[in-house]
């Protein structure tokens, strides 16, 4: 094996915690005009904090803002569920609202872009080549009338096919090829990818030799977590179908996935702790608190 898959949590962050690569990726994937291109970024905490103590929060893969104050949230979702849409809207809305302190002018609010890469197909009733879905607030009849603020995008990676490419943005094609073609089975990198310095840099970060021992450990735990989550989803669907109730299926999926994720996080943290990994690293890759880890 020469390369790791960039779609998993640890590898995705390894690539896009590089500001030059993230800027290139944002400009390629977001629907920005020439005079709206991202020039520089400042990384923000990936922890989307609530406004009240003990409120809901979630960890996103990459969160940053540019010199114009626009915020960008980037997430990779390996296992699709309908509740992911709700979580995306929740995080984007929270990022938008949290820009202002009490009493500040609404004119200070800047747009929030939520870019979500999905390793699955959820818009099954749309044409197979429609993999890019852009949502924003528009007038029901006059869709050219837009209320600026929230911009939400979903990219269905399995639908992407470079052979069907008919768009002008070459970098968009290259980044999507990187995400869908570089993995554990890659023996030879396509020449088109090696010719671009940004993509070449991203690929070099995916080389097995470029990963630390701790990163390799977390990567393997990511694989186990995704495998368990897929099993939970499949079993929940089968159970829901057997019951013959769509509502029961949806509830079973949500409950099963929530329980599975919580148990997997605890198990991952327990193994990392027993292997002597630092507490701050365990917190970073599991999202658990210091108190929860100390109890293990």
C-alpha atoms as a PDB file:
ATOM      1  CA  UNK A   1       0.000   0.000   0.000  1.00  0.00           C
ATOM      2  CA  UNK A   2       1.414   3.391  -1.040  1.00  0.00           C
ATOM      3  CA  UNK A   3      -1.398   5.830  -0.177  1.00  0.00           C
ATOM      4  CA  UNK A   4      -4.104   6.426   2.382  1.00  0.00           C
ATOM      5  CA  UNK A   5      -7.663   7.495   1.510  1.00  0.00           C
ATOM      6  CA  UNK A   6      -8.114  11.303   1.942  1.00  0.00           C
ATOM      7  CA  UNK A   7     -11.814  10.977   2.792  1.00  0.00           C
ATOM      8  CA  UNK A   8     -11.297   9.780   6.369  1.00  0.00           C
ATOM      9  CA  UNK A   9     -11.195  12.188   9.296  1.00  0.00           C
ATOM     10  CA  UNK A  10      -7.471  12.147  10.076  1.00  0.00           C
ATOM     11  CA  UNK A  11      -6.338  12.270   6.423  1.00  0.00           C
ATOM     12  CA  UNK A  12      -8.913  14.874   5.370  1.00  0.00           C
ATOM     13  CA  UNK A  13      -7.733  17.196   8.143  1.00  0.00           C
ATOM     14  CA  UNK A  14      -4.073  16.480   7.322  1.00  0.00           C
ATOM     15  CA  UNK A  15      -4.634  17.835   3.799  1.00  0.00           C
ATOM     16  CA  UNK A  16      -6.901  20.774   4.532  1.00  0.00           C
ATOM     17  CA  UNK A  17      -5.128  22.037   7.625  1.00  0.00           C
ATOM     18  CA  UNK A  18      -2.685  23.342   5.006  1.00  0.00           C
ATOM     19  CA  UNK A  19      -3.962  26.885   4.191  1.00  0.00           C
ATOM     20  CA  UNK A  20      -2.722  26.938   0.571  1.00  0.00           C
ATOM     21  CA  UNK A  21      -4.470  23.654  -0.198  1.00  0.00           C
ATOM     22  CA  UNK A  22      -7.670  24.715   1.563  1.00  0.00           C
ATOM     23  CA  UNK A  23      -7.810  28.049  -0.311  1.00  0.00           C
ATOM     24  CA  UNK A  24      -7.380  26.238  -3.625  1.00  0.00           C
ATOM     25  CA  UNK A  25     -10.084  23.731  -2.644  1.00  0.00           C
ATOM     26  CA  UNK A  26     -12.583  26.419  -1.575  1.00  0.00           C
ATOM     27  CA  UNK A  27     -12.091  28.466  -4.740  1.00  0.00           C
ATOM     28  CA  UNK A  28     -12.522  25.334  -6.851  1.00  0.00           C
ATOM     29  CA  UNK A  29     -15.631  23.914  -5.163  1.00  0.00           C
ATOM     30  CA  UNK A  30     -17.566  27.004  -4.067  1.00  0.00           C
ATOM     31  CA  UNK A  31     -19.757  29.006  -6.504  1.00  0.00           C
ATOM     32  CA  UNK A  32     -17.656  32.169  -6.175  1.00  0.00           C
ATOM     33  CA  UNK A  33     -17.274  34.819  -8.855  1.00  0.00           C
ATOM     34  CA  UNK A  34     -13.812  35.946  -9.974  1.00  0.00           C
ATOM     35  CA  UNK A  35     -13.898  38.975  -7.663  1.00  0.00           C
ATOM     36  CA  UNK A  36     -15.104  36.826  -4.726  1.00  0.00           C
ATOM     37  CA  UNK A  37     -12.191  34.364  -4.635  1.00  0.00           C
ATOM     38  CA  UNK A  38     -10.701  33.455  -1.255  1.00  0.00           C
ATOM     39  CA  UNK A  39      -7.253  35.012  -0.881  1.00  0.00           C
ATOM     40  CA  UNK A  40      -6.265  34.279   2.712  1.00  0.00           C
ATOM     41  CA  UNK A  41      -7.804  32.386   5.620  1.00  0.00           C
ATOM     42  CA  UNK A  42      -7.698  32.178   9.386  1.00  0.00           C
ATOM     43  CA  UNK A  43      -8.537  28.831  10.980  1.00  0.00           C
ATOM     44  CA  UNK A  44     -11.285  28.814  13.600  1.00  0.00           C
ATOM     45  CA  UNK A  45     -12.043  26.193  16.230  1.00  0.00           C
ATOM     46  CA  UNK A  46     -13.655  23.102  14.679  1.00  0.00           C
ATOM     47  CA  UNK A  47     -15.869  22.907  17.772  1.00  0.00           C
ATOM     48  CA  UNK A  48     -19.166  24.648  17.064  1.00  0.00           C
ATOM     49  CA  UNK A  49     -19.977  25.894  20.558  1.00  0.00           C
ATOM     50  CA  UNK A  50     -23.565  26.543  21.713  1.00  0.00           C
ATOM     51  CA  UNK A  51     -24.685  29.849  23.198  1.00  0.00           C
ATOM     52  CA  UNK A  52     -25.851  28.273  26.458  1.00  0.00           C
ATOM     53  CA  UNK A  53     -24.010  25.871  28.800  1.00  0.00           C
ATOM     54  CA  UNK A  54     -24.697  22.172  28.189  1.00  0.00           C
ATOM     55  CA  UNK A  55     -26.273  22.983  24.818  1.00  0.00           C
ATOM     56  CA  UNK A  56     -25.724  20.870  21.717  1.00  0.00           C
ATOM     57  CA  UNK A  57     -22.415  21.204  19.904  1.00  0.00           C
ATOM     58  CA  UNK A  58     -20.658  19.297  17.167  1.00  0.00           C
ATOM     59  CA  UNK A  59     -17.186  18.919  15.720  1.00  0.00           C
ATOM     60  CA  UNK A  60     -16.682  19.872  12.075  1.00  0.00           C
ATOM     61  CA  UNK A  61     -13.707  18.868   9.948  1.00  0.00           C
ATOM     62  CA  UNK A  62     -12.456  22.330   8.936  1.00  0.00           C
ATOM     63  CA  UNK A  63     -13.695  25.792   9.898  1.00  0.00           C
ATOM     64  CA  UNK A  64     -12.106  29.074   8.795  1.00  0.00           C
ATOM     65  CA  UNK A  65     -12.783  32.647   7.712  1.00  0.00           C
ATOM     66  CA  UNK A  66     -11.171  34.968   5.170  1.00  0.00           C
ATOM     67  CA  UNK A  67     -10.117  38.618   5.385  1.00  0.00           C
ATOM     68  CA  UNK A  68     -13.630  39.665   4.315  1.00  0.00           C
ATOM     69  CA  UNK A  69     -15.082  37.902   7.360  1.00  0.00           C
ATOM     70  CA  UNK A  70     -16.810  35.177   5.358  1.00  0.00           C
ATOM     71  CA  UNK A  71     -16.874  31.850   7.189  1.00  0.00           C
ATOM     72  CA  UNK A  72     -16.297  28.467   5.552  1.00  0.00           C
ATOM     73  CA  UNK A  73     -17.279  25.131   7.087  1.00  0.00           C
ATOM     74  CA  UNK A  74     -16.015  22.016   5.306  1.00  0.00           C
ATOM     75  CA  UNK A  75     -17.153  18.509   6.231  1.00  0.00           C
ATOM     76  CA  UNK A  76     -16.610  15.012   4.884  1.00  0.00           C
ATOM     77  CA  UNK A  77     -19.443  12.545   5.582  1.00  0.00           C
ATOM     78  CA  UNK A  78     -18.543   8.904   4.951  1.00  0.00           C
ATOM     79  CA  UNK A  79     -21.939   7.438   5.947  1.00  0.00           C
ATOM     80  CA  UNK A  80     -25.085   9.273   4.881  1.00  0.00           C
ATOM     81  CA  UNK A  81     -28.207   9.698   7.002  1.00  0.00           C
ATOM     82  CA  UNK A  82     -31.071  12.159   6.622  1.00  0.00           C
ATOM     83  CA  UNK A  83     -30.243  13.802   9.945  1.00  0.00           C
ATOM     84  CA  UNK A  84     -26.942  14.997   8.443  1.00  0.00           C
ATOM     85  CA  UNK A  85     -28.854  17.648   6.451  1.00  0.00           C
ATOM     86  CA  UNK A  86     -30.365  18.980   9.669  1.00  0.00           C
ATOM     87  CA  UNK A  87     -26.973  19.050  11.393  1.00  0.00           C
ATOM     88  CA  UNK A  88     -25.439  20.939   8.455  1.00  0.00           C
ATOM     89  CA  UNK A  89     -28.194  23.586   8.624  1.00  0.00           C
ATOM     90  CA  UNK A  90     -27.799  23.766  12.408  1.00  0.00           C
ATOM     91  CA  UNK A  91     -24.032  24.334  12.231  1.00  0.00           C
ATOM     92  CA  UNK A  92     -24.241  26.884   9.405  1.00  0.00           C
ATOM     93  CA  UNK A  93     -26.999  28.831  11.160  1.00  0.00           C
ATOM     94  CA  UNK A  94     -25.092  28.805  14.434  1.00  0.00           C
ATOM     95  CA  UNK A  95     -21.937  30.095  12.739  1.00  0.00           C
ATOM     96  CA  UNK A  96     -23.989  32.885  11.147  1.00  0.00           C
ATOM     97  CA  UNK A  97     -25.727  33.927  14.385  1.00  0.00           C
ATOM     98  CA  UNK A  98     -22.598  33.727  16.556  1.00  0.00           C
ATOM     99  CA  UNK A  99     -20.868  36.445  14.523  1.00  0.00           C
ATOM    100  CA  UNK A 100     -22.626  39.169  16.532  1.00  0.00           C
ATOM    101  CA  UNK A 101     -22.555  40.051  20.186  1.00  0.00           C
ATOM    102  CA  UNK A 102     -25.697  41.409  21.800  1.00  0.00           C
ATOM    103  CA  UNK A 103     -26.567  44.885  20.526  1.00  0.00           C
ATOM    104  CA  UNK A 104     -24.278  44.833  17.476  1.00  0.00           C
ATOM    105  CA  UNK A 105     -25.506  45.993  14.065  1.00  0.00           C
ATOM    106  CA  UNK A 106     -26.877  43.295  11.732  1.00  0.00           C
ATOM    107  CA  UNK A 107     -24.902  44.917   8.915  1.00  0.00           C
ATOM    108  CA  UNK A 108     -21.793  43.333  10.392  1.00  0.00           C
ATOM    109  CA  UNK A 109     -23.013  39.834   9.493  1.00  0.00           C
ATOM    110  CA  UNK A 110     -20.982  38.128   6.786  1.00  0.00           C
ATOM    111  CA  UNK A 111     -21.932  35.110   4.611  1.00  0.00           C
ATOM    112  CA  UNK A 112     -21.393  31.548   5.802  1.00  0.00           C
ATOM    113  CA  UNK A 113     -20.570  28.782   3.308  1.00  0.00           C
ATOM    114  CA  UNK A 114     -21.102  25.158   4.325  1.00  0.00           C
ATOM    115  CA  UNK A 115     -19.385  22.732   1.931  1.00  0.00           C
ATOM    116  CA  UNK A 116     -20.245  19.080   2.534  1.00  0.00           C
ATOM    117  CA  UNK A 117     -18.600  16.143   0.741  1.00  0.00           C
ATOM    118  CA  UNK A 118     -20.802  13.054   0.943  1.00  0.00           C
ATOM    119  CA  UNK A 119     -19.530   9.549   0.228  1.00  0.00           C
ATOM    120  CA  UNK A 120     -23.006   8.380  -0.735  1.00  0.00           C
ATOM    121  CA  UNK A 121     -26.026   9.196  -2.900  1.00  0.00           C
ATOM    122  CA  UNK A 122     -29.014  10.847  -1.253  1.00  0.00           C
ATOM    123  CA  UNK A 123     -30.689  12.659  -4.180  1.00  0.00           C
ATOM    124  CA  UNK A 124     -31.672   9.397  -5.859  1.00  0.00           C
ATOM    125  CA  UNK A 125     -34.507  10.914  -7.915  1.00  0.00           C
ATOM    126  CA  UNK A 126     -32.146  13.319  -9.731  1.00  0.00           C
ATOM    127  CA  UNK A 127     -30.052  12.459 -12.836  1.00  0.00           C
ATOM    128  CA  UNK A 128     -26.970  10.336 -12.162  1.00  0.00           C
ATOM    129  CA  UNK A 129     -24.593  13.072 -13.352  1.00  0.00           C
ATOM    130  CA  UNK A 130     -26.018  15.726 -10.973  1.00  0.00           C
ATOM    131  CA  UNK A 131     -23.628  15.417  -8.054  1.00  0.00           C
ATOM    132  CA  UNK A 132     -23.378  19.112  -7.032  1.00  0.00           C
ATOM    133  CA  UNK A 133     -26.259  20.611  -5.012  1.00  0.00           C
ATOM    134  CA  UNK A 134     -26.260  24.303  -4.049  1.00  0.00           C
ATOM    135  CA  UNK A 135     -28.912  25.614  -1.629  1.00  0.00           C
ATOM    136  CA  UNK A 136     -29.600  29.219  -0.660  1.00  0.00           C
ATOM    137  CA  UNK A 137     -32.572  31.406   0.260  1.00  0.00           C
ATOM    138  CA  UNK A 138     -34.350  32.405  -2.957  1.00  0.00           C
ATOM    139  CA  UNK A 139     -37.715  33.869  -3.936  1.00  0.00           C
ATOM    140  CA  UNK A 140     -40.258  31.125  -4.704  1.00  0.00           C
ATOM    141  CA  UNK A 141     -41.147  32.555  -8.148  1.00  0.00           C
ATOM    142  CA  UNK A 142     -38.225  34.833  -8.971  1.00  0.00           C
ATOM    143  CA  UNK A 143     -35.203  32.693  -8.208  1.00  0.00           C
ATOM    144  CA  UNK A 144     -32.812  35.481  -9.177  1.00  0.00           C
ATOM    145  CA  UNK A 145     -33.894  37.256  -5.972  1.00  0.00           C
ATOM    146  CA  UNK A 146     -31.584  35.935  -3.258  1.00  0.00           C
ATOM    147  CA  UNK A 147     -31.287  36.688   0.463  1.00  0.00           C
ATOM    148  CA  UNK A 148     -27.565  36.513   1.155  1.00  0.00           C
ATOM    149  CA  UNK A 149     -26.270  34.848   4.300  1.00  0.00           C
ATOM    150  CA  UNK A 150     -26.379  31.051   4.244  1.00  0.00           C
ATOM    151  CA  UNK A 151     -24.909  29.050   1.366  1.00  0.00           C
ATOM    152  CA  UNK A 152     -25.104  25.262   1.729  1.00  0.00           C
ATOM    153  CA  UNK A 153     -23.543  22.818  -0.716  1.00  0.00           C
ATOM    154  CA  UNK A 154     -23.580  19.037  -0.928  1.00  0.00           C
ATOM    155  CA  UNK A 155     -21.290  17.087  -3.250  1.00  0.00           C
ATOM    156  CA  UNK A 156     -22.240  13.431  -3.862  1.00  0.00           C
ATOM    157  CA  UNK A 157     -18.825  11.931  -4.577  1.00  0.00           C
ATOM    158  CA  UNK A 158     -20.034   8.585  -6.026  1.00  0.00           C
ATOM    159  CA  UNK A 159     -21.881  10.484  -8.774  1.00  0.00           C
ATOM    160  CA  UNK A 160     -18.775  12.347  -9.909  1.00  0.00           C
ATOM    161  CA  UNK A 161     -17.412  11.005 -13.195  1.00  0.00           C
ATOM    162  CA  UNK A 162     -14.474  12.850 -14.837  1.00  0.00           C
ATOM    163  CA  UNK A 163     -15.445  11.301 -18.179  1.00  0.00           C
ATOM    164  CA  UNK A 164     -18.684  13.321 -18.131  1.00  0.00           C
ATOM    165  CA  UNK A 165     -16.911  16.597 -17.310  1.00  0.00           C
ATOM    166  CA  UNK A 166     -18.363  19.634 -19.102  1.00  0.00           C
ATOM    167  CA  UNK A 167     -17.510  22.453 -16.689  1.00  0.00           C
ATOM    168  CA  UNK A 168     -14.928  25.210 -17.031  1.00  0.00           C
ATOM    169  CA  UNK A 169     -13.326  24.879 -13.576  1.00  0.00           C
ATOM    170  CA  UNK A 170     -10.382  22.519 -14.063  1.00  0.00           C
ATOM    171  CA  UNK A 171      -9.341  22.696 -10.391  1.00  0.00           C
ATOM    172  CA  UNK A 172     -12.789  21.488  -9.343  1.00  0.00           C
ATOM    173  CA  UNK A 173     -12.276  18.398 -11.501  1.00  0.00           C
ATOM    174  CA  UNK A 174      -8.763  17.818 -10.120  1.00  0.00           C
ATOM    175  CA  UNK A 175      -9.794  18.090  -6.467  1.00  0.00           C
ATOM    176  CA  UNK A 176     -12.728  15.727  -6.996  1.00  0.00           C
ATOM    177  CA  UNK A 177     -10.449  13.253  -8.776  1.00  0.00           C
ATOM    178  CA  UNK A 178      -8.075  13.462  -5.807  1.00  0.00           C
ATOM    179  CA  UNK A 179     -10.897  12.658  -3.362  1.00  0.00           C
ATOM    180  CA  UNK A 180     -12.328   9.801  -5.423  1.00  0.00           C
ATOM    181  CA  UNK A 181      -9.258   8.176  -6.988  1.00  0.00           C
ATOM    182  CA  UNK A 182      -6.498   8.323  -4.358  1.00  0.00           C
ATOM    183  CA  UNK A 183      -6.872   5.501  -1.833  1.00  0.00           C
ATOM    184  CA  UNK A 184      -5.316   2.294  -0.524  1.00  0.00           C
ATOM    185  CA  UNK A 185      -5.626   0.609  -3.946  1.00  0.00           C
ATOM    186  CA  UNK A 186      -3.839   3.354  -5.915  1.00  0.00           C
ATOM    187  CA  UNK A 187      -0.692   2.025  -7.591  1.00  0.00           C
ATOM    188  CA  UNK A 188      -0.006   4.794 -10.109  1.00  0.00           C
ATOM    189  CA  UNK A 189      -1.171   8.415  -9.752  1.00  0.00           C
ATOM    190  CA  UNK A 190      -2.826   9.781 -12.942  1.00  0.00           C
ATOM    191  CA  UNK A 191      -0.554  12.183 -14.825  1.00  0.00           C
ATOM    192  CA  UNK A 192      -3.180  14.956 -14.767  1.00  0.00           C
ATOM    193  CA  UNK A 193      -3.085  14.984 -10.970  1.00  0.00           C
ATOM    194  CA  UNK A 194       0.711  14.968 -10.706  1.00  0.00           C
ATOM    195  CA  UNK A 195       0.985  17.963 -13.052  1.00  0.00           C
ATOM    196  CA  UNK A 196      -0.791  20.336 -10.657  1.00  0.00           C
ATOM    197  CA  UNK A 197       1.337  21.537  -7.692  1.00  0.00           C
ATOM    198  CA  UNK A 198      -1.600  21.756  -5.252  1.00  0.00           C
ATOM    199  CA  UNK A 199      -2.871  18.272  -6.015  1.00  0.00           C
ATOM    200  CA  UNK A 200       0.661  16.865  -6.056  1.00  0.00           C
ATOM    201  CA  UNK A 201       1.210  18.319  -2.569  1.00  0.00           C
ATOM    202  CA  UNK A 202      -2.072  16.834  -1.314  1.00  0.00           C
ATOM    203  CA  UNK A 203      -1.142  13.415  -2.725  1.00  0.00           C
ATOM    204  CA  UNK A 204       2.279  13.539  -1.072  1.00  0.00           C
ATOM    205  CA  UNK A 205       0.538  14.026   2.291  1.00  0.00           C
ATOM    206  CA  UNK A 206      -1.414  10.804   1.653  1.00  0.00           C
ATOM    207  CA  UNK A 207       1.717   8.701   1.190  1.00  0.00           C
ATOM    208  CA  UNK A 208       2.050   6.047   3.858  1.00  0.00           C
ATOM    209  CA  UNK A 209       5.586   7.260   4.563  1.00  0.00           C
ATOM    210  CA  UNK A 210       4.270  10.786   5.294  1.00  0.00           C
ATOM    211  CA  UNK A 211       2.081   9.586   8.179  1.00  0.00           C
ATOM    212  CA  UNK A 212       3.269   9.464  11.772  1.00  0.00           C
ATOM    213  CA  UNK A 213       2.714   6.389  13.916  1.00  0.00           C
ATOM    214  CA  UNK A 214      -0.047   8.192  15.816  1.00  0.00           C
ATOM    215  CA  UNK A 215      -1.746   9.257  12.561  1.00  0.00           C
ATOM    216  CA  UNK A 216      -1.650   5.691  11.253  1.00  0.00           C
ATOM    217  CA  UNK A 217      -3.192   4.493  14.510  1.00  0.00           C
ATOM    218  CA  UNK A 218      -6.051   7.016  14.335  1.00  0.00           C
ATOM    219  CA  UNK A 219      -6.592   6.200  10.639  1.00  0.00           C
ATOM    220  CA  UNK A 220      -7.130   2.527  11.482  1.00  0.00           C
ATOM    221  CA  UNK A 221      -9.571   3.535  14.212  1.00  0.00           C
ATOM    222  CA  UNK A 222     -11.421   5.700  11.655  1.00  0.00           C
ATOM    223  CA  UNK A 223     -11.795   2.646   9.413  1.00  0.00           C
ATOM    224  CA  UNK A 224     -13.231   0.616  12.288  1.00  0.00           C
ATOM    225  CA  UNK A 225     -15.632   3.419  13.205  1.00  0.00           C
ATOM    226  CA  UNK A 226     -16.953   3.801   9.650  1.00  0.00           C
ATOM    227  CA  UNK A 227     -17.365   0.042   9.302  1.00  0.00           C
ATOM    228  CA  UNK A 228     -19.382  -0.104  12.521  1.00  0.00           C
ATOM    229  CA  UNK A 229     -21.507   2.868  11.485  1.00  0.00           C
ATOM    230  CA  UNK A 230     -22.315   1.264   8.115  1.00  0.00           C
ATOM    231  CA  UNK A 231     -23.338  -1.931   9.899  1.00  0.00           C
ATOM    232  CA  UNK A 232     -25.609  -0.017  12.258  1.00  0.00           C
ATOM    233  CA  UNK A 233     -27.252   1.832   9.365  1.00  0.00           C
ATOM    234  CA  UNK A 234     -27.774  -1.385   7.382  1.00  0.00           C
ATOM    235  CA  UNK A 235     -29.269  -3.212  10.366  1.00  0.00           C
ATOM    236  CA  UNK A 236     -31.520  -0.259  11.174  1.00  0.00           C
ATOM    237  CA  UNK A 237     -32.805  -0.161   7.589  1.00  0.00           C
ATOM    238  CA  UNK A 238     -33.439  -3.920   7.549  1.00  0.00           C
ATOM    239  CA  UNK A 239     -35.278  -3.699  10.859  1.00  0.00           C
ATOM    240  CA  UNK A 240     -37.368  -0.780   9.658  1.00  0.00           C
ATOM    241  CA  UNK A 241     -38.272  -2.576   6.420  1.00  0.00           C
ATOM    242  CA  UNK A 242     -39.252  -5.707   8.328  1.00  0.00           C
ATOM    243  CA  UNK A 243     -41.592  -3.615  10.462  1.00  0.00           C
ATOM    244  CA  UNK A 244     -42.998  -2.053   7.338  1.00  0.00           C
ATOM    245  CA  UNK A 245     -43.013   1.415   8.867  1.00  0.00           C
ATOM    246  CA  UNK A 246     -41.052   4.307   7.373  1.00  0.00           C
ATOM    247  CA  UNK A 247     -41.246   6.216  10.644  1.00  0.00           C
ATOM    248  CA  UNK A 248     -39.889   3.292  12.602  1.00  0.00           C
ATOM    249  CA  UNK A 249     -37.015   2.923  10.113  1.00  0.00           C
ATOM    250  CA  UNK A 250     -36.013   6.585  10.429  1.00  0.00           C
ATOM    251  CA  UNK A 251     -36.131   6.464  14.226  1.00  0.00           C
ATOM    252  CA  UNK A 252     -34.240   3.185  14.305  1.00  0.00           C
ATOM    253  CA  UNK A 253     -31.478   4.605  12.102  1.00  0.00           C
ATOM    254  CA  UNK A 254     -31.121   7.765  14.168  1.00  0.00           C
ATOM    255  CA  UNK A 255     -31.108   5.943  17.509  1.00  0.00           C
ATOM    256  CA  UNK A 256     -28.853   3.150  16.303  1.00  0.00           C
ATOM    257  CA  UNK A 257     -26.317   5.515  14.749  1.00  0.00           C
ATOM    258  CA  UNK A 258     -26.290   7.778  17.822  1.00  0.00           C
ATOM    259  CA  UNK A 259     -25.726   4.831  20.153  1.00  0.00           C
ATOM    260  CA  UNK A 260     -23.133   3.268  17.868  1.00  0.00           C
ATOM    261  CA  UNK A 261     -21.176   6.505  17.507  1.00  0.00           C
ATOM    262  CA  UNK A 262     -21.124   7.067  21.271  1.00  0.00           C
ATOM    263  CA  UNK A 263     -19.950   3.514  21.992  1.00  0.00           C
ATOM    264  CA  UNK A 264     -17.327   3.651  19.235  1.00  0.00           C
ATOM    265  CA  UNK A 265     -15.931   6.947  20.551  1.00  0.00           C
ATOM    266  CA  UNK A 266     -15.586   5.477  24.032  1.00  0.00           C
ATOM    267  CA  UNK A 267     -13.958   2.298  22.715  1.00  0.00           C
ATOM    268  CA  UNK A 268     -11.547   4.303  20.534  1.00  0.00           C
ATOM    269  CA  UNK A 269     -10.619   6.534  23.473  1.00  0.00           C
ATOM    270  CA  UNK A 270     -10.165   3.515  25.739  1.00  0.00           C
ATOM    271  CA  UNK A 271      -7.731   1.868  23.307  1.00  0.00           C
ATOM    272  CA  UNK A 272      -5.843   5.116  22.677  1.00  0.00           C
ATOM    273  CA  UNK A 273      -5.530   5.659  26.422  1.00  0.00           C
ATOM    274  CA  UNK A 274      -4.312   2.114  27.028  1.00  0.00           C
ATOM    275  CA  UNK A 275      -1.712   2.623  24.297  1.00  0.00           C
ATOM    276  CA  UNK A 276      -0.394   5.641  26.170  1.00  0.00           C
ATOM    277  CA  UNK A 277      -1.472   8.360  23.722  1.00  0.00           C
ATOM    278  CA  UNK A 278      -1.679  11.918  25.174  1.00  0.00           C
ATOM    279  CA  UNK A 279      -5.060  13.061  26.520  1.00  0.00           C
ATOM    280  CA  UNK A 280      -5.131  16.145  24.248  1.00  0.00           C
ATOM    281  CA  UNK A 281      -4.722  13.878  21.186  1.00  0.00           C
ATOM    282  CA  UNK A 282      -7.553  11.625  22.397  1.00  0.00           C
ATOM    283  CA  UNK A 283      -9.778  14.685  22.855  1.00  0.00           C
ATOM    284  CA  UNK A 284      -8.915  15.921  19.358  1.00  0.00           C
ATOM    285  CA  UNK A 285      -9.848  12.710  17.558  1.00  0.00           C
ATOM    286  CA  UNK A 286     -12.821  11.531  19.656  1.00  0.00           C
ATOM    287  CA  UNK A 287     -14.488  14.769  20.760  1.00  0.00           C
ATOM    288  CA  UNK A 288     -14.751  13.443  24.327  1.00  0.00           C
ATOM    289  CA  UNK A 289     -14.061  15.677  27.310  1.00  0.00           C
ATOM    290  CA  UNK A 290     -11.068  15.305  29.599  1.00  0.00           C
ATOM    291  CA  UNK A 291     -13.401  14.171  32.403  1.00  0.00           C
ATOM    292  CA  UNK A 292     -14.959  11.440  30.246  1.00  0.00           C
ATOM    293  CA  UNK A 293     -11.517  10.134  29.255  1.00  0.00           C
ATOM    294  CA  UNK A 294     -10.273  10.095  32.862  1.00  0.00           C
ATOM    295  CA  UNK A 295     -13.230   7.879  33.834  1.00  0.00           C
ATOM    296  CA  UNK A 296     -12.266   5.185  31.305  1.00  0.00           C
END
